[in-house]
C-alpha cells in the first residue's frame, strides 16, 4: 500500500501542496492542479493508497481553509473509490 502523508505545516502555498501530491501520486501529465483534478486522480487510483492529512500546526488562515476543502475532497474520493483510505488528523 502506498502511503502519502501531507503535513500541512510543511507547505507555504497551495501550489506546493498540489506539486507534492502530483509527485507522490504520479499525477497524469496535463492535469490541472486543482481540487477537481485531485478528485479525478484519486477516484481513478488502481492501487491501494492511504493519504494522511495532518492539519496541526498550520497557522495561515488561507492555507487552513484550502486544506479543509482538500480534506472534504479526499473524504469524498475515498467514499467513491475502492482503493483509497483517508485519515484527517
N, C-alpha and C. Protein backbone atom coordinates (compact mmCIF):
# COMPACT_ATOMS: atom_id res chain seq x y z
N UNK A 1 0.85 -1.18 0.00
CA UNK A 1 0.00 0.00 0.00
C UNK A 1 0.90 1.24 0.00
N UNK A 2 0.59 2.14 -0.88
CA UNK A 2 1.30 3.43 -0.91
C UNK A 2 0.71 4.33 0.18
N UNK A 3 1.58 5.01 0.92
CA UNK A 3 1.11 5.95 1.93
C UNK A 3 1.67 7.33 1.62
N UNK A 4 0.79 8.31 1.61
CA UNK A 4 1.17 9.70 1.36
C UNK A 4 0.77 10.50 2.59
N UNK A 5 1.76 11.16 3.19
CA UNK A 5 1.49 11.96 4.38
C UNK A 5 1.66 13.43 4.02
N UNK A 6 0.58 14.18 4.19
CA UNK A 6 0.59 15.62 3.92
C UNK A 6 0.61 16.33 5.26
N UNK A 7 1.76 16.84 5.63
CA UNK A 7 1.87 17.66 6.84
C UNK A 7 1.65 19.10 6.42
N UNK A 8 0.46 19.60 6.69
CA UNK A 8 0.09 20.94 6.24
C UNK A 8 1.08 22.01 6.63
N UNK A 9 1.69 21.88 7.79
CA UNK A 9 2.63 22.90 8.26
C UNK A 9 3.94 22.91 7.47
N UNK A 10 4.17 21.89 6.62
CA UNK A 10 5.38 21.85 5.79
C UNK A 10 5.27 22.70 4.53
N UNK A 11 4.08 23.22 4.25
CA UNK A 11 3.84 23.93 2.99
C UNK A 11 3.47 25.38 3.24
N UNK A 12 3.96 26.26 2.35
CA UNK A 12 3.65 27.68 2.45
C UNK A 12 2.52 28.10 1.51
N UNK A 13 2.32 27.34 0.43
CA UNK A 13 1.30 27.71 -0.55
C UNK A 13 0.52 26.47 -0.98
N UNK A 14 -0.66 26.71 -1.50
CA UNK A 14 -1.46 25.60 -2.02
C UNK A 14 -0.78 24.96 -3.23
N UNK A 15 -0.07 25.76 -4.00
CA UNK A 15 0.64 25.23 -5.17
C UNK A 15 1.66 24.18 -4.74
N UNK A 16 2.33 24.43 -3.61
CA UNK A 16 3.31 23.47 -3.10
C UNK A 16 2.63 22.15 -2.73
N UNK A 17 1.45 22.22 -2.16
CA UNK A 17 0.71 21.00 -1.79
C UNK A 17 0.35 20.22 -3.05
N UNK A 18 -0.16 20.90 -4.05
CA UNK A 18 -0.53 20.21 -5.30
C UNK A 18 0.69 19.62 -5.98
N UNK A 19 1.82 20.31 -5.98
CA UNK A 19 3.04 19.77 -6.58
C UNK A 19 3.50 18.52 -5.84
N UNK A 20 3.43 18.55 -4.52
CA UNK A 20 3.77 17.38 -3.71
C UNK A 20 2.88 16.20 -4.07
N UNK A 21 1.58 16.44 -4.12
CA UNK A 21 0.64 15.37 -4.46
C UNK A 21 0.86 14.85 -5.88
N UNK A 22 1.15 15.75 -6.80
CA UNK A 22 1.40 15.35 -8.19
C UNK A 22 2.58 14.38 -8.25
N UNK A 23 3.63 14.67 -7.50
CA UNK A 23 4.79 13.79 -7.48
C UNK A 23 4.48 12.47 -6.78
N UNK A 24 3.86 12.54 -5.62
CA UNK A 24 3.59 11.34 -4.83
C UNK A 24 2.60 10.39 -5.50
N UNK A 25 1.62 10.95 -6.19
CA UNK A 25 0.56 10.14 -6.79
C UNK A 25 0.78 9.89 -8.27
N UNK A 26 1.94 10.32 -8.78
CA UNK A 26 2.24 10.17 -10.21
C UNK A 26 1.09 10.73 -11.05
N UNK A 27 0.74 11.97 -10.73
CA UNK A 27 -0.34 12.71 -11.37
C UNK A 27 -0.16 12.70 -12.88
N UNK A 28 -1.16 12.34 -13.66
CA UNK A 28 -1.03 12.31 -15.12
C UNK A 28 -0.65 13.68 -15.69
N UNK A 29 0.21 13.65 -16.68
CA UNK A 29 0.64 14.88 -17.34
C UNK A 29 -0.57 15.60 -17.92
N UNK A 30 -0.61 16.89 -17.75
CA UNK A 30 -1.68 17.69 -18.31
C UNK A 30 -2.81 17.99 -17.35
N UNK A 31 -2.88 17.28 -16.21
CA UNK A 31 -3.92 17.57 -15.24
C UNK A 31 -3.64 18.90 -14.56
N UNK A 32 -4.68 19.67 -14.36
CA UNK A 32 -4.54 20.92 -13.61
C UNK A 32 -4.25 20.59 -12.15
N UNK A 33 -3.76 21.57 -11.46
CA UNK A 33 -3.53 21.44 -10.03
C UNK A 33 -4.71 22.11 -9.33
N UNK A 34 -5.77 21.34 -9.16
CA UNK A 34 -7.00 21.86 -8.56
C UNK A 34 -7.67 20.75 -7.75
N UNK A 35 -8.63 21.14 -6.93
CA UNK A 35 -9.36 20.16 -6.14
C UNK A 35 -10.17 19.22 -7.02
N UNK A 36 -10.73 19.75 -8.10
CA UNK A 36 -11.50 18.93 -9.02
C UNK A 36 -10.61 17.86 -9.68
N UNK A 37 -9.44 18.28 -10.11
CA UNK A 37 -8.50 17.33 -10.72
C UNK A 37 -8.02 16.32 -9.68
N UNK A 38 -7.80 16.77 -8.46
CA UNK A 38 -7.39 15.86 -7.40
C UNK A 38 -8.43 14.76 -7.20
N UNK A 39 -9.69 15.14 -7.18
CA UNK A 39 -10.77 14.16 -7.03
C UNK A 39 -10.71 13.14 -8.18
N UNK A 40 -10.53 13.64 -9.39
CA UNK A 40 -10.45 12.75 -10.54
C UNK A 40 -9.29 11.76 -10.41
N UNK A 41 -8.13 12.26 -10.04
CA UNK A 41 -6.95 11.39 -9.88
C UNK A 41 -7.21 10.33 -8.80
N UNK A 42 -7.76 10.76 -7.69
CA UNK A 42 -7.97 9.84 -6.56
C UNK A 42 -9.01 8.77 -6.87
N UNK A 43 -10.05 9.13 -7.59
CA UNK A 43 -11.09 8.14 -7.90
C UNK A 43 -10.67 7.21 -9.03
N UNK A 44 -9.57 7.52 -9.70
CA UNK A 44 -9.06 6.66 -10.76
C UNK A 44 -7.90 5.77 -10.28
N UNK A 45 -7.56 5.83 -8.99
CA UNK A 45 -6.48 5.01 -8.46
C UNK A 45 -6.79 3.53 -8.68
N UNK A 46 -5.74 2.77 -8.99
CA UNK A 46 -5.93 1.33 -9.17
C UNK A 46 -5.07 0.52 -8.20
N UNK A 47 -4.35 1.21 -7.31
CA UNK A 47 -3.55 0.56 -6.28
C UNK A 47 -3.98 1.10 -4.92
N UNK A 48 -3.91 0.25 -3.91
CA UNK A 48 -4.27 0.69 -2.56
C UNK A 48 -3.39 1.86 -2.14
N UNK A 49 -4.03 2.91 -1.68
CA UNK A 49 -3.34 4.13 -1.30
C UNK A 49 -3.97 4.67 -0.03
N UNK A 50 -3.11 5.09 0.88
CA UNK A 50 -3.58 5.73 2.11
C UNK A 50 -3.00 7.13 2.15
N UNK A 51 -3.87 8.12 2.37
CA UNK A 51 -3.44 9.50 2.47
C UNK A 51 -3.78 10.01 3.87
N UNK A 52 -2.78 10.56 4.52
CA UNK A 52 -2.95 11.16 5.84
C UNK A 52 -2.77 12.66 5.66
N UNK A 53 -3.78 13.41 6.05
CA UNK A 53 -3.72 14.88 6.00
C UNK A 53 -3.64 15.38 7.43
N UNK A 54 -2.51 15.96 7.77
CA UNK A 54 -2.27 16.48 9.12
C UNK A 54 -2.42 18.00 9.09
N UNK A 55 -3.44 18.49 9.77
CA UNK A 55 -3.74 19.93 9.78
C UNK A 55 -3.10 20.67 10.95
N UNK A 56 -2.51 19.93 11.88
CA UNK A 56 -1.95 20.59 13.06
C UNK A 56 -0.74 21.44 12.70
N UNK A 57 -0.65 22.55 13.35
CA UNK A 57 0.47 23.45 13.15
C UNK A 57 0.32 24.43 12.01
N UNK A 58 -0.77 24.33 11.25
CA UNK A 58 -1.00 25.27 10.15
C UNK A 58 -1.54 26.56 10.74
N UNK A 59 -0.86 27.66 10.46
CA UNK A 59 -1.25 28.93 11.08
C UNK A 59 -1.91 29.91 10.11
N UNK A 60 -1.62 29.78 8.82
CA UNK A 60 -2.16 30.70 7.83
C UNK A 60 -3.63 30.39 7.57
N UNK A 61 -4.50 31.37 7.71
CA UNK A 61 -5.94 31.16 7.55
C UNK A 61 -6.31 30.66 6.15
N UNK A 62 -5.68 31.22 5.12
CA UNK A 62 -5.98 30.78 3.75
C UNK A 62 -5.58 29.33 3.54
N UNK A 63 -4.43 28.97 4.11
CA UNK A 63 -3.95 27.60 3.98
C UNK A 63 -4.86 26.65 4.73
N UNK A 64 -5.30 27.02 5.92
CA UNK A 64 -6.23 26.19 6.68
C UNK A 64 -7.52 25.98 5.89
N UNK A 65 -8.04 27.04 5.31
CA UNK A 65 -9.27 26.94 4.53
C UNK A 65 -9.10 25.99 3.35
N UNK A 66 -7.99 26.11 2.62
CA UNK A 66 -7.76 25.25 1.47
C UNK A 66 -7.59 23.80 1.90
N UNK A 67 -6.84 23.57 2.97
CA UNK A 67 -6.63 22.20 3.44
C UNK A 67 -7.92 21.57 3.96
N UNK A 68 -8.79 22.36 4.54
CA UNK A 68 -10.10 21.85 4.96
C UNK A 68 -10.95 21.46 3.75
N UNK A 69 -10.88 22.26 2.69
CA UNK A 69 -11.59 21.90 1.45
C UNK A 69 -10.97 20.64 0.85
N UNK A 70 -9.64 20.54 0.92
CA UNK A 70 -8.96 19.35 0.40
C UNK A 70 -9.38 18.13 1.21
N UNK A 71 -9.55 18.27 2.52
CA UNK A 71 -9.99 17.16 3.35
C UNK A 71 -11.35 16.65 2.90
N UNK A 72 -12.24 17.55 2.54
CA UNK A 72 -13.56 17.15 2.03
C UNK A 72 -13.42 16.37 0.73
N UNK A 73 -12.55 16.85 -0.16
CA UNK A 73 -12.34 16.16 -1.44
C UNK A 73 -11.74 14.78 -1.21
N UNK A 74 -10.76 14.69 -0.33
CA UNK A 74 -10.15 13.40 -0.02
C UNK A 74 -11.18 12.42 0.52
N UNK A 75 -12.01 12.88 1.43
CA UNK A 75 -13.04 12.03 2.03
C UNK A 75 -14.07 11.59 0.98
N UNK A 76 -14.50 12.54 0.15
CA UNK A 76 -15.46 12.20 -0.92
C UNK A 76 -14.87 11.17 -1.88
N UNK A 77 -13.60 11.35 -2.24
CA UNK A 77 -12.95 10.42 -3.16
C UNK A 77 -12.82 9.04 -2.53
N UNK A 78 -12.51 8.99 -1.24
CA UNK A 78 -12.40 7.70 -0.55
C UNK A 78 -13.76 6.99 -0.52
N UNK A 79 -14.82 7.76 -0.35
CA UNK A 79 -16.17 7.18 -0.36
C UNK A 79 -16.54 6.64 -1.74
N UNK A 80 -16.04 7.30 -2.79
CA UNK A 80 -16.41 6.94 -4.16
C UNK A 80 -15.55 5.82 -4.74
N UNK A 81 -14.34 5.66 -4.24
CA UNK A 81 -13.43 4.67 -4.83
C UNK A 81 -13.15 3.55 -3.86
N UNK A 82 -12.55 2.48 -4.40
CA UNK A 82 -12.30 1.32 -3.55
C UNK A 82 -10.83 1.19 -3.15
N UNK A 83 -9.95 2.00 -3.70
CA UNK A 83 -8.52 1.86 -3.43
C UNK A 83 -7.94 2.94 -2.53
N UNK A 84 -8.77 3.82 -2.02
CA UNK A 84 -8.28 4.96 -1.25
C UNK A 84 -8.78 4.91 0.18
N UNK A 85 -7.85 5.10 1.10
CA UNK A 85 -8.16 5.24 2.52
C UNK A 85 -7.62 6.61 2.95
N UNK A 86 -8.40 7.35 3.72
CA UNK A 86 -8.02 8.71 4.11
C UNK A 86 -8.11 8.85 5.63
N UNK A 87 -7.13 9.55 6.18
CA UNK A 87 -7.13 9.87 7.60
C UNK A 87 -6.85 11.37 7.72
N UNK A 88 -7.73 12.08 8.42
CA UNK A 88 -7.56 13.52 8.67
C UNK A 88 -7.19 13.69 10.14
N UNK A 89 -6.07 14.31 10.37
CA UNK A 89 -5.61 14.48 11.75
C UNK A 89 -5.46 15.94 12.09
